[in-house]
PDB file of all heavy atoms in Angstrom:
ATOM      1  N   ASN A   1      44.061 -46.268   4.890  1.00  0.00           N
ATOM      2  CA  ASN A   1      43.948 -44.987   4.131  1.00  0.00           C
ATOM      3  C   ASN A   1      45.351 -44.524   3.764  1.00  0.00           C
ATOM      4  O   ASN A   1      46.241 -44.501   4.598  1.00  0.00           O
ATOM      5  CB  ASN A   1      43.249 -43.965   5.042  1.00  0.00           C
ATOM      6  CG  ASN A   1      42.855 -42.708   4.189  1.00  0.00           C
ATOM      7  OD1 ASN A   1      43.285 -42.535   3.050  1.00  0.00           O
ATOM      8  ND2 ASN A   1      42.030 -41.854   4.735  1.00  0.00           N
ATOM      9  N   ARG A   2      45.499 -44.141   2.480  1.00  0.00           N
ATOM     10  CA  ARG A   2      46.811 -43.746   2.016  1.00  0.00           C
ATOM     11  C   ARG A   2      46.791 -42.262   1.481  1.00  0.00           C
ATOM     12  O   ARG A   2      47.501 -41.934   0.616  1.00  0.00           O
ATOM     13  CB  ARG A   2      47.297 -44.588   0.878  1.00  0.00           C
ATOM     14  CG  ARG A   2      47.905 -45.919   1.320  1.00  0.00           C
ATOM     15  CD  ARG A   2      48.437 -46.700   0.087  1.00  0.00           C
ATOM     16  NE  ARG A   2      49.132 -47.892   0.494  1.00  0.00           N
ATOM     17  CZ  ARG A   2      50.429 -47.937   0.776  1.00  0.00           C
ATOM     18  NH1 ARG A   2      51.130 -46.857   0.706  1.00  0.00           N
ATOM     19  NH2 ARG A   2      50.952 -49.142   1.095  1.00  0.00           N
ATOM     20  N   ASN A   3      45.944 -41.425   2.019  1.00  0.00           N
ATOM     21  CA  ASN A   3      45.796 -40.048   1.547  1.00  0.00           C
ATOM     22  C   ASN A   3      47.067 -39.229   1.941  1.00  0.00           C
ATOM     23  O   ASN A   3      48.149 -39.585   1.507  1.00  0.00           O
ATOM     24  CB  ASN A   3      44.556 -39.408   2.154  1.00  0.00           C
ATOM     25  CG  ASN A   3      43.313 -39.976   1.442  1.00  0.00           C
ATOM     26  OD1 ASN A   3      43.385 -40.532   0.353  1.00  0.00           O
ATOM     27  ND2 ASN A   3      42.150 -39.820   2.076  1.00  0.00           N
ATOM     28  N   HIS A   4      46.867 -38.232   2.671  1.00  0.00           N
ATOM     29  CA  HIS A   4      48.008 -37.341   3.017  1.00  0.00           C
ATOM     30  C   HIS A   4      49.008 -38.072   3.996  1.00  0.00           C
ATOM     31  O   HIS A   4      50.186 -37.749   3.972  1.00  0.00           O
ATOM     32  CB  HIS A   4      47.535 -36.052   3.606  1.00  0.00           C
ATOM     33  CG  HIS A   4      46.731 -35.254   2.621  1.00  0.00           C
ATOM     34  ND1 HIS A   4      47.207 -34.663   1.499  1.00  0.00           N
ATOM     35  CD2 HIS A   4      45.390 -34.951   2.663  1.00  0.00           C
ATOM     36  CE1 HIS A   4      46.235 -34.085   0.832  1.00  0.00           C
ATOM     37  NE2 HIS A   4      45.109 -34.182   1.508  1.00  0.00           N
ATOM     38  N   SER A   5      48.394 -38.911   4.818  1.00  0.00           N
ATOM     39  CA  SER A   5      49.326 -39.697   5.743  1.00  0.00           C
ATOM     40  C   SER A   5      48.741 -41.062   5.802  1.00  0.00           C
ATOM     41  O   SER A   5      47.539 -41.318   5.628  1.00  0.00           O
ATOM     42  CB  SER A   5      49.334 -38.997   7.111  1.00  0.00           C
ATOM     43  OG  SER A   5      47.987 -38.968   7.693  1.00  0.00           O
ATOM     44  N   LEU A   6      49.624 -41.972   6.132  1.00  0.00           N
ATOM     45  CA  LEU A   6      49.181 -43.393   6.259  1.00  0.00           C
ATOM     46  C   LEU A   6      48.342 -43.620   7.517  1.00  0.00           C
ATOM     47  O   LEU A   6      48.734 -43.193   8.601  1.00  0.00           O
ATOM     48  CB  LEU A   6      50.351 -44.319   6.255  1.00  0.00           C
ATOM     49  CG  LEU A   6      51.123 -44.540   4.950  1.00  0.00           C
ATOM     50  CD1 LEU A   6      52.290 -45.473   5.191  1.00  0.00           C
ATOM     51  CD2 LEU A   6      50.225 -45.139   3.911  1.00  0.00           C
ATOM     52  N   GLU A   7      47.132 -44.178   7.317  1.00  0.00           N
ATOM     53  CA  GLU A   7      46.339 -44.487   8.454  1.00  0.00           C
ATOM     54  C   GLU A   7      46.015 -46.007   8.472  1.00  0.00           C
ATOM     55  O   GLU A   7      45.999 -46.642   7.413  1.00  0.00           O
ATOM     56  CB  GLU A   7      44.973 -43.753   8.349  1.00  0.00           C
ATOM     57  CG  GLU A   7      45.100 -42.233   8.375  1.00  0.00           C
ATOM     58  CD  GLU A   7      43.768 -41.546   8.174  1.00  0.00           C
ATOM     59  OE1 GLU A   7      42.738 -42.282   8.185  1.00  0.00           O
ATOM     60  OE2 GLU A   7      43.774 -40.295   8.098  1.00  0.00           O
ATOM     61  N   GLY A   8      45.930 -46.563   9.641  1.00  0.00           N
ATOM     62  CA  GLY A   8      45.689 -47.970   9.777  1.00  0.00           C
ATOM     63  C   GLY A   8      45.621 -48.359  11.245  1.00  0.00           C
ATOM     64  O   GLY A   8      45.424 -47.548  12.137  1.00  0.00           O
ATOM     65  N   HIS A   9      45.752 -49.647  11.485  1.00  0.00           N
ATOM     66  CA  HIS A   9      45.693 -50.147  12.833  1.00  0.00           C
ATOM     67  C   HIS A   9      46.467 -51.439  12.984  1.00  0.00           C
ATOM     68  O   HIS A   9      46.753 -52.157  12.037  1.00  0.00           O
ATOM     69  CB  HIS A   9      44.211 -50.430  13.273  1.00  0.00           C
ATOM     70  CG  HIS A   9      43.563 -51.437  12.438  1.00  0.00           C
ATOM     71  ND1 HIS A   9      42.845 -51.067  11.241  1.00  0.00           N
ATOM     72  CD2 HIS A   9      43.507 -52.790  12.488  1.00  0.00           C
ATOM     73  CE1 HIS A   9      42.395 -52.153  10.652  1.00  0.00           C
ATOM     74  NE2 HIS A   9      42.704 -53.237  11.445  1.00  0.00           N
ATOM     75  N   TRP A  10      46.955 -51.658  14.189  1.00  0.00           N
ATOM     76  CA  TRP A  10      47.690 -52.880  14.525  1.00  0.00           C
ATOM     77  C   TRP A  10      46.770 -54.062  14.701  1.00  0.00           C
ATOM     78  O   TRP A  10      45.683 -53.927  15.295  1.00  0.00           O
ATOM     79  CB  TRP A  10      48.537 -52.724  15.791  1.00  0.00           C
ATOM     80  CG  TRP A  10      49.726 -51.903  15.673  1.00  0.00           C
ATOM     81  CD1 TRP A  10      49.939 -50.649  16.242  1.00  0.00           C
ATOM     82  CD2 TRP A  10      50.953 -52.150  14.942  1.00  0.00           C
ATOM     83  NE1 TRP A  10      51.175 -50.104  15.923  1.00  0.00           N
ATOM     84  CE2 TRP A  10      51.818 -51.083  15.124  1.00  0.00           C
ATOM     85  CE3 TRP A  10      51.353 -53.284  14.202  1.00  0.00           C
ATOM     86  CZ2 TRP A  10      53.085 -51.050  14.574  1.00  0.00           C
ATOM     87  CZ3 TRP A  10      52.624 -53.241  13.648  1.00  0.00           C
ATOM     88  CH2 TRP A  10      53.490 -52.165  13.833  1.00  0.00           C
ATOM     89  N   GLU A  11      47.207 -55.235  14.236  1.00  0.00           N
ATOM     90  CA  GLU A  11      46.486 -56.457  14.597  1.00  0.00           C
ATOM     91  C   GLU A  11      47.516 -57.499  15.032  1.00  0.00           C
ATOM     92  O   GLU A  11      48.710 -57.379  14.611  1.00  0.00           O
ATOM     93  CB  GLU A  11      45.791 -57.015  13.331  1.00  0.00           C
ATOM     94  CG  GLU A  11      44.611 -56.156  12.914  1.00  0.00           C
ATOM     95  CD  GLU A  11      43.861 -56.840  11.718  1.00  0.00           C
ATOM     96  OE1 GLU A  11      44.328 -57.874  11.185  1.00  0.00           O
ATOM     97  OE2 GLU A  11      42.813 -56.286  11.276  1.00  0.00           O
ATOM     98  N   VAL A  12      47.043 -58.438  15.861  1.00  0.00           N
ATOM     99  CA  VAL A  12      47.848 -59.575  16.164  1.00  0.00           C
ATOM    100  C   VAL A  12      47.969 -60.486  14.908  1.00  0.00           C
ATOM    101  O   VAL A  12      46.934 -60.787  14.308  1.00  0.00           O
ATOM    102  CB  VAL A  12      47.311 -60.380  17.348  1.00  0.00           C
ATOM    103  CG1 VAL A  12      48.126 -61.622  17.674  1.00  0.00           C
ATOM    104  CG2 VAL A  12      47.228 -59.501  18.586  1.00  0.00           C
ATOM    105  N   ALA A  13      49.177 -60.912  14.601  1.00  0.00           N
ATOM    106  CA  ALA A  13      49.379 -61.645  13.345  1.00  0.00           C
ATOM    107  C   ALA A  13      48.656 -63.030  13.406  1.00  0.00           C
ATOM    108  O   ALA A  13      48.256 -63.516  12.359  1.00  0.00           O
ATOM    109  CB  ALA A  13      50.830 -61.876  13.131  1.00  0.00           C
ATOM    110  N   TYR A  14      48.433 -63.594  14.605  1.00  0.00           N
ATOM    111  CA  TYR A  14      47.915 -64.936  14.700  1.00  0.00           C
ATOM    112  C   TYR A  14      46.689 -64.929  15.664  1.00  0.00           C
ATOM    113  O   TYR A  14      46.832 -64.472  16.754  1.00  0.00           O
ATOM    114  CB  TYR A  14      48.952 -65.965  15.156  1.00  0.00           C
ATOM    115  CG  TYR A  14      50.134 -65.934  14.151  1.00  0.00           C
ATOM    116  CD1 TYR A  14      51.256 -65.223  14.481  1.00  0.00           C
ATOM    117  CD2 TYR A  14      50.031 -66.573  12.926  1.00  0.00           C
ATOM    118  CE1 TYR A  14      52.301 -65.094  13.580  1.00  0.00           C
ATOM    119  CE2 TYR A  14      51.074 -66.504  12.045  1.00  0.00           C
ATOM    120  CZ  TYR A  14      52.207 -65.781  12.337  1.00  0.00           C
ATOM    121  OH  TYR A  14      53.200 -65.684  11.500  1.00  0.00           O
ATOM    122  N   LYS A  15      45.551 -65.373  15.131  1.00  0.00           N
ATOM    123  CA  LYS A  15      44.338 -65.346  15.907  1.00  0.00           C
ATOM    124  C   LYS A  15      44.399 -66.108  17.206  1.00  0.00           C
ATOM    125  O   LYS A  15      43.705 -65.906  18.143  1.00  0.00           O
ATOM    126  CB  LYS A  15      43.139 -65.802  15.052  1.00  0.00           C
ATOM    127  CG  LYS A  15      42.982 -65.022  13.818  1.00  0.00           C
ATOM    128  CD  LYS A  15      42.830 -63.492  14.060  1.00  0.00           C
ATOM    129  CE  LYS A  15      42.672 -62.705  12.750  1.00  0.00           C
ATOM    130  NZ  LYS A  15      42.593 -61.302  12.951  1.00  0.00           N
ATOM    131  N   GLY A  16      45.396 -67.044  17.233  1.00  0.00           N
ATOM    132  CA  GLY A  16      45.516 -67.845  18.453  1.00  0.00           C
ATOM    133  C   GLY A  16      46.052 -67.083  19.659  1.00  0.00           C
ATOM    134  O   GLY A  16      45.933 -67.489  20.821  1.00  0.00           O
ATOM    135  N   SER A  17      46.612 -65.919  19.423  1.00  0.00           N
ATOM    136  CA  SER A  17      47.166 -65.107  20.489  1.00  0.00           C
ATOM    137  C   SER A  17      46.034 -64.338  21.130  1.00  0.00           C
ATOM    138  O   SER A  17      45.248 -63.747  20.448  1.00  0.00           O
ATOM    139  CB  SER A  17      48.221 -64.090  19.977  1.00  0.00           C
ATOM    140  OG  SER A  17      49.264 -64.777  19.325  1.00  0.00           O
ATOM    141  N   SER A  18      45.952 -64.424  22.469  1.00  0.00           N
ATOM    142  CA  SER A  18      44.859 -63.734  23.135  1.00  0.00           C
ATOM    143  C   SER A  18      45.507 -62.911  24.324  1.00  0.00           C
ATOM    144  O   SER A  18      46.604 -63.126  24.690  1.00  0.00           O
ATOM    145  CB  SER A  18      43.871 -64.765  23.737  1.00  0.00           C
ATOM    146  OG  SER A  18      44.527 -65.657  24.616  1.00  0.00           O
ATOM    147  N   GLU A  19      44.670 -61.971  24.766  1.00  0.00           N
ATOM    148  CA  GLU A  19      45.109 -61.119  25.859  1.00  0.00           C
ATOM    149  C   GLU A  19      46.434 -60.466  25.631  1.00  0.00           C
ATOM    150  O   GLU A  19      47.356 -60.485  26.492  1.00  0.00           O
ATOM    151  CB  GLU A  19      45.185 -61.934  27.202  1.00  0.00           C
ATOM    152  CG  GLU A  19      43.829 -62.533  27.581  1.00  0.00           C
ATOM    153  CD  GLU A  19      43.895 -63.348  28.847  1.00  0.00           C
ATOM    154  OE1 GLU A  19      44.978 -63.298  29.496  1.00  0.00           O
ATOM    155  OE2 GLU A  19      42.928 -63.949  29.270  1.00  0.00           O
ATOM    156  N   VAL A  20      46.546 -59.823  24.474  1.00  0.00           N
ATOM    157  CA  VAL A  20      47.842 -59.122  24.200  1.00  0.00           C
ATOM    158  C   VAL A  20      47.532 -57.642  24.076  1.00  0.00           C
ATOM    159  O   VAL A  20      46.398 -57.311  23.727  1.00  0.00           O
ATOM    160  CB  VAL A  20      48.498 -59.681  22.885  1.00  0.00           C
ATOM    161  CG1 VAL A  20      48.790 -61.149  22.993  1.00  0.00           C
ATOM    162  CG2 VAL A  20      47.568 -59.423  21.678  1.00  0.00           C
ATOM    163  N   PHE A  21      48.532 -56.809  24.342  1.00  0.00           N
ATOM    164  CA  PHE A  21      48.290 -55.400  24.078  1.00  0.00           C
ATOM    165  C   PHE A  21      48.839 -55.100  22.673  1.00  0.00           C
ATOM    166  O   PHE A  21      49.696 -55.790  22.116  1.00  0.00           O
ATOM    167  CB  PHE A  21      48.956 -54.542  25.125  1.00  0.00           C
ATOM    168  CG  PHE A  21      50.484 -54.499  25.071  1.00  0.00           C
ATOM    169  CD1 PHE A  21      51.146 -53.722  24.096  1.00  0.00           C
ATOM    170  CD2 PHE A  21      51.267 -55.167  25.983  1.00  0.00           C
ATOM    171  CE1 PHE A  21      52.525 -53.692  24.064  1.00  0.00           C
ATOM    172  CE2 PHE A  21      52.630 -55.103  25.949  1.00  0.00           C
ATOM    173  CZ  PHE A  21      53.271 -54.345  24.950  1.00  0.00           C
ATOM    174  N   LEU A  22      48.272 -54.016  22.028  1.00  0.00           N
ATOM    175  CA  LEU A  22      48.691 -53.627  20.722  1.00  0.00           C
ATOM    176  C   LEU A  22      49.638 -52.481  20.822  1.00  0.00           C
ATOM    177  O   LEU A  22      49.475 -51.592  21.712  1.00  0.00           O
ATOM    178  CB  LEU A  22      47.459 -53.244  19.909  1.00  0.00           C
ATOM    179  CG  LEU A  22      46.510 -54.411  19.632  1.00  0.00           C
ATOM    180  CD1 LEU A  22      45.290 -53.899  18.861  1.00  0.00           C
ATOM    181  CD2 LEU A  22      47.158 -55.556  18.891  1.00  0.00           C
ATOM    182  N   PRO A  23      50.632 -52.345  19.942  1.00  0.00           N
ATOM    183  CA  PRO A  23      51.571 -51.268  19.949  1.00  0.00           C
ATOM    184  C   PRO A  23      50.972 -49.899  19.734  1.00  0.00           C
ATOM    185  O   PRO A  23      49.895 -49.863  19.113  1.00  0.00           O
ATOM    186  CB  PRO A  23      52.590 -51.624  18.873  1.00  0.00           C
ATOM    187  CG  PRO A  23      52.351 -53.095  18.559  1.00  0.00           C
ATOM    188  CD  PRO A  23      50.922 -53.346  18.866  1.00  0.00           C
ATOM    189  N   PRO A  24      51.669 -48.821  20.113  1.00  0.00           N
ATOM    190  CA  PRO A  24      51.202 -47.482  19.724  1.00  0.00           C
ATOM    191  C   PRO A  24      51.437 -47.213  18.243  1.00  0.00           C
ATOM    192  O   PRO A  24      51.924 -48.088  17.547  1.00  0.00           O
ATOM    193  CB  PRO A  24      52.037 -46.593  20.654  1.00  0.00           C
ATOM    194  CG  PRO A  24      53.290 -47.394  20.849  1.00  0.00           C
ATOM    195  CD  PRO A  24      52.848 -48.842  20.906  1.00  0.00           C
ATOM    196  N   ASP A  25      51.153 -45.988  17.800  1.00  0.00           N
ATOM    197  CA  ASP A  25      51.372 -45.645  16.428  1.00  0.00           C
ATOM    198  C   ASP A  25      52.864 -45.871  16.033  1.00  0.00           C
ATOM    199  O   ASP A  25      53.749 -45.562  16.822  1.00  0.00           O
ATOM    200  CB  ASP A  25      51.079 -44.177  16.208  1.00  0.00           C
ATOM    201  CG  ASP A  25      49.550 -43.923  16.299  1.00  0.00           C
ATOM    202  OD1 ASP A  25      48.785 -44.913  16.142  1.00  0.00           O
ATOM    203  OD2 ASP A  25      49.126 -42.788  16.499  1.00  0.00           O
ATOM    204  N   PRO A  26      53.084 -46.469  14.861  1.00  0.00           N
ATOM    205  CA  PRO A  26      54.439 -46.828  14.539  1.00  0.00           C
ATOM    206  C   PRO A  26      55.211 -45.778  13.839  1.00  0.00           C
ATOM    207  O   PRO A  26      54.683 -44.747  13.336  1.00  0.00           O
ATOM    208  CB  PRO A  26      54.198 -48.039  13.558  1.00  0.00           C
ATOM    209  CG  PRO A  26      52.931 -47.618  12.849  1.00  0.00           C
ATOM    210  CD  PRO A  26      52.095 -46.924  13.897  1.00  0.00           C
ATOM    211  N   ILE A  27      56.520 -46.002  13.733  1.00  0.00           N
ATOM    212  CA  ILE A  27      57.366 -45.256  12.808  1.00  0.00           C
ATOM    213  C   ILE A  27      57.382 -46.118  11.521  1.00  0.00           C
ATOM    214  O   ILE A  27      57.578 -47.279  11.552  1.00  0.00           O
ATOM    215  CB  ILE A  27      58.826 -45.150  13.335  1.00  0.00           C
ATOM    216  CG1 ILE A  27      58.780 -44.319  14.642  1.00  0.00           C
ATOM    217  CG2 ILE A  27      59.723 -44.438  12.333  1.00  0.00           C
ATOM    218  CD1 ILE A  27      60.126 -44.401  15.401  1.00  0.00           C
ATOM    219  N   PHE A  28      57.151 -45.476  10.397  1.00  0.00           N
ATOM    220  CA  PHE A  28      57.063 -46.221   9.134  1.00  0.00           C
ATOM    221  C   PHE A  28      58.456 -46.407   8.520  1.00  0.00           C
ATOM    222  O   PHE A  28      59.231 -45.438   8.489  1.00  0.00           O
ATOM    223  CB  PHE A  28      56.140 -45.517   8.144  1.00  0.00           C
ATOM    224  CG  PHE A  28      54.692 -45.501   8.585  1.00  0.00           C
ATOM    225  CD1 PHE A  28      54.140 -44.436   9.156  1.00  0.00           C
ATOM    226  CD2 PHE A  28      53.950 -46.746   8.402  1.00  0.00           C
ATOM    227  CE1 PHE A  28      52.781 -44.421   9.580  1.00  0.00           C
ATOM    228  CE2 PHE A  28      52.646 -46.715   8.857  1.00  0.00           C
ATOM    229  CZ  PHE A  28      52.021 -45.608   9.476  1.00  0.00           C
ATOM    230  N   GLY A  29      58.742 -47.603   8.044  1.00  0.00           N
ATOM    231  CA  GLY A  29      60.039 -47.951   7.545  1.00  0.00           C
ATOM    232  C   GLY A  29      60.342 -47.244   6.201  1.00  0.00           C
ATOM    233  O   GLY A  29      59.434 -46.715   5.531  1.00  0.00           O
ATOM    234  N   THR A  30      61.594 -47.322   5.844  1.00  0.00           N
ATOM    235  CA  THR A  30      62.006 -46.651   4.579  1.00  0.00           C
ATOM    236  C   THR A  30      61.816 -47.517   3.385  1.00  0.00           C
ATOM    237  O   THR A  30      61.906 -46.986   2.229  1.00  0.00           O
ATOM    238  CB  THR A  30      63.500 -46.211   4.726  1.00  0.00           C
ATOM    239  OG1 THR A  30      64.247 -47.402   4.999  1.00  0.00           O
ATOM    240  CG2 THR A  30      63.631 -45.260   5.866  1.00  0.00           C
ATOM    241  N   ALA A  31      61.544 -48.816   3.502  1.00  0.00           N
ATOM    242  CA  ALA A  31      61.460 -49.703   2.387  1.00  0.00           C
ATOM    243  C   ALA A  31      60.058 -50.071   2.006  1.00  0.00           C
ATOM    244  O   ALA A  31      59.767 -51.121   1.542  1.00  0.00           O
ATOM    245  CB  ALA A  31      62.258 -50.946   2.708  1.00  0.00           C
ATOM    246  N   MET A  32      59.138 -49.087   2.235  1.00  0.00           N
ATOM    247  CA  MET A  32      57.726 -49.406   1.993  1.00  0.00           C
ATOM    248  C   MET A  32      57.409 -49.370   0.502  1.00  0.00           C
ATOM    249  O   MET A  32      58.004 -48.578  -0.254  1.00  0.00           O
ATOM    250  CB  MET A  32      56.832 -48.400   2.738  1.00  0.00           C
ATOM    251  CG  MET A  32      56.791 -48.675   4.203  1.00  0.00           C
ATOM    252  SD  MET A  32      55.850 -47.339   5.044  1.00  0.00           S
ATOM    253  CE  MET A  32      54.634 -46.844   3.796  1.00  0.00           C
ATOM    254  N   SER A  33      56.436 -50.180   0.119  1.00  0.00           N
ATOM    255  CA  SER A  33      55.948 -50.141  -1.302  1.00  0.00           C
ATOM    256  C   SER A  33      54.531 -49.600  -1.270  1.00  0.00           C
ATOM    257  O   SER A  33      53.739 -49.798  -0.359  1.00  0.00           O
ATOM    258  CB  SER A  33      55.947 -51.555  -1.828  1.00  0.00           C
ATOM    259  OG  SER A  33      55.189 -51.679  -3.051  1.00  0.00           O
ATOM    260  N   GLU A  34      54.221 -48.825  -2.299  1.00  0.00           N
ATOM    261  CA  GLU A  34      52.868 -48.318  -2.366  1.00  0.00           C
ATOM    262  C   GLU A  34      51.764 -49.370  -2.606  1.00  0.00           C
ATOM    263  O   GLU A  34      50.575 -49.106  -2.390  1.00  0.00           O
ATOM    264  CB  GLU A  34      52.791 -47.253  -3.547  1.00  0.00           C
ATOM    265  CG  GLU A  34      53.659 -46.018  -3.272  1.00  0.00           C
ATOM    266  CD  GLU A  34      53.476 -44.957  -4.349  1.00  0.00           C
ATOM    267  OE1 GLU A  34      52.645 -45.261  -5.277  1.00  0.00           O
ATOM    268  OE2 GLU A  34      54.121 -43.949  -4.273  1.00  0.00           O
ATOM    269  N   LYS A  35      52.200 -50.538  -2.997  1.00  0.00           N
ATOM    270  CA  LYS A  35      51.213 -51.615  -3.218  1.00  0.00           C
ATOM    271  C   LYS A  35      50.922 -52.379  -1.939  1.00  0.00           C
ATOM    272  O   LYS A  35      49.960 -53.147  -1.967  1.00  0.00           O
ATOM    273  CB  LYS A  35      51.784 -52.542  -4.324  1.00  0.00           C
ATOM    274  CG  LYS A  35      51.956 -51.888  -5.697  1.00  0.00           C
ATOM    275  CD  LYS A  35      52.489 -52.886  -6.676  1.00  0.00           C
ATOM    276  CE  LYS A  35      52.802 -52.221  -8.025  1.00  0.00           C
ATOM    277  NZ  LYS A  35      53.371 -53.210  -9.059  1.00  0.00           N
ATOM    278  N   GLU A  36      51.742 -52.257  -0.974  1.00  0.00           N
ATOM    279  CA  GLU A  36      51.579 -53.096   0.231  1.00  0.00           C
ATOM    280  C   GLU A  36      50.456 -52.449   1.087  1.00  0.00           C
ATOM    281  O   GLU A  36      50.472 -51.265   1.396  1.00  0.00           O
ATOM    282  CB  GLU A  36      52.850 -53.157   1.033  1.00  0.00           C
ATOM    283  CG  GLU A  36      53.985 -53.837   0.303  1.00  0.00           C
ATOM    284  CD  GLU A  36      53.732 -55.340   0.146  1.00  0.00           C
ATOM    285  OE1 GLU A  36      52.892 -55.880   0.905  1.00  0.00           O
ATOM    286  OE2 GLU A  36      54.354 -55.956  -0.736  1.00  0.00           O
ATOM    287  N   ASN A  37      49.509 -53.267   1.499  1.00  0.00           N
ATOM    288  CA  ASN A  37      48.470 -52.886   2.408  1.00  0.00           C
ATOM    289  C   ASN A  37      48.673 -53.404   3.840  1.00  0.00           C
ATOM    290  O   ASN A  37      47.922 -53.063   4.739  1.00  0.00           O
ATOM    291  CB  ASN A  37      47.084 -53.322   1.891  1.00  0.00           C
ATOM    292  CG  ASN A  37      46.691 -52.568   0.662  1.00  0.00           C
ATOM    293  OD1 ASN A  37      46.929 -51.388   0.506  1.00  0.00           O
ATOM    294  ND2 ASN A  37      46.047 -53.292  -0.280  1.00  0.00           N
ATOM    295  N   VAL A  38      49.674 -54.283   3.981  1.00  0.00           N
ATOM    296  CA  VAL A  38      49.940 -54.817   5.294  1.00  0.00           C
ATOM    297  C   VAL A  38      51.461 -54.659   5.504  1.00  0.00           C
ATOM    298  O   VAL A  38      52.255 -55.079   4.656  1.00  0.00           O
ATOM    299  CB  VAL A  38      49.556 -56.312   5.434  1.00  0.00           C
ATOM    300  CG1 VAL A  38      50.027 -56.869   6.714  1.00  0.00           C
ATOM    301  CG2 VAL A  38      48.110 -56.488   5.255  1.00  0.00           C
ATOM    302  N   LEU A  39      51.845 -54.043   6.653  1.00  0.00           N
ATOM    303  CA  LEU A  39      53.196 -53.912   7.061  1.00  0.00           C
ATOM    304  C   LEU A  39      53.430 -54.812   8.302  1.00  0.00           C
ATOM    305  O   LEU A  39      52.471 -55.103   9.028  1.00  0.00           O
ATOM    306  CB  LEU A  39      53.545 -52.486   7.356  1.00  0.00           C
ATOM    307  CG  LEU A  39      53.345 -51.487   6.148  1.00  0.00           C
ATOM    308  CD1 LEU A  39      53.583 -50.060   6.605  1.00  0.00           C
ATOM    309  CD2 LEU A  39      54.265 -51.855   5.032  1.00  0.00           C
ATOM    310  N   CYS A  40      54.689 -55.120   8.578  1.00  0.00           N
ATOM    311  CA  CYS A  40      54.960 -56.021   9.671  1.00  0.00           C
ATOM    312  C   CYS A  40      55.772 -55.294  10.790  1.00  0.00           C
ATOM    313  O   CYS A  40      56.530 -54.364  10.531  1.00  0.00           O
ATOM    314  CB  CYS A  40      55.774 -57.239   9.215  1.00  0.00           C
ATOM    315  SG  CYS A  40      54.777 -58.302   8.079  1.00  0.00           S
ATOM    316  N   ALA A  41      55.598 -55.758  12.018  1.00  0.00           N
ATOM    317  CA  ALA A  41      56.075 -55.036  13.186  1.00  0.00           C
ATOM    318  C   ALA A  41      57.569 -55.400  13.471  1.00  0.00           C
ATOM    319  O   ALA A  41      57.897 -56.584  13.520  1.00  0.00           O
ATOM    320  CB  ALA A  41      55.227 -55.297  14.378  1.00  0.00           C
ATOM    321  N   GLN A  42      58.350 -54.375  13.692  1.00  0.00           N
ATOM    322  CA  GLN A  42      59.685 -54.526  14.214  1.00  0.00           C
ATOM    323  C   GLN A  42      59.781 -53.766  15.582  1.00  0.00           C
ATOM    324  O   GLN A  42      59.347 -52.571  15.639  1.00  0.00           O
ATOM    325  CB  GLN A  42      60.749 -53.976  13.308  1.00  0.00           C
ATOM    326  CG  GLN A  42      60.988 -54.830  12.095  1.00  0.00           C
ATOM    327  CD  GLN A  42      62.150 -54.339  11.245  1.00  0.00           C
ATOM    328  OE1 GLN A  42      62.521 -53.186  11.360  1.00  0.00           O
ATOM    329  NE2 GLN A  42      62.680 -55.158  10.439  1.00  0.00           N
ATOM    330  N   LEU A  43      60.277 -54.431  16.591  1.00  0.00           N
ATOM    331  CA  LEU A  43      60.497 -53.790  17.880  1.00  0.00           C
ATOM    332  C   LEU A  43      61.966 -53.403  17.917  1.00  0.00           C
ATOM    333  O   LEU A  43      62.916 -54.185  17.680  1.00  0.00           O
ATOM    334  CB  LEU A  43      60.212 -54.748  19.007  1.00  0.00           C
ATOM    335  CG  LEU A  43      60.564 -54.253  20.421  1.00  0.00           C
ATOM    336  CD1 LEU A  43      59.744 -53.116  20.788  1.00  0.00           C
ATOM    337  CD2 LEU A  43      60.373 -55.429  21.410  1.00  0.00           C
ATOM    338  N   GLN A  44      62.181 -52.096  18.174  1.00  0.00           N
ATOM    339  CA  GLN A  44      63.641 -51.604  18.317  1.00  0.00           C
ATOM    340  C   GLN A  44      63.934 -51.393  19.782  1.00  0.00           C
ATOM    341  O   GLN A  44      63.224 -50.791  20.580  1.00  0.00           O
ATOM    342  CB  GLN A  44      63.710 -50.261  17.610  1.00  0.00           C
ATOM    343  CG  GLN A  44      65.098 -49.598  17.814  1.00  0.00           C
ATOM    344  CD  GLN A  44      65.172 -48.214  17.240  1.00  0.00           C
ATOM    345  OE1 GLN A  44      65.090 -48.040  16.081  1.00  0.00           O
ATOM    346  NE2 GLN A  44      65.317 -47.262  18.169  1.00  0.00           N
TER     347      GLN A  44
END
């Protein structure tokens, strides 16, 4: 959802990964494009 705020959910990038925890709500990067529906995770 791209209404007033970005809404979405984390997924594991590769289905082969099992028994993993998912991150909490992210901080959104500054280089986002309005056309992108998938963003990638960075751990700081």
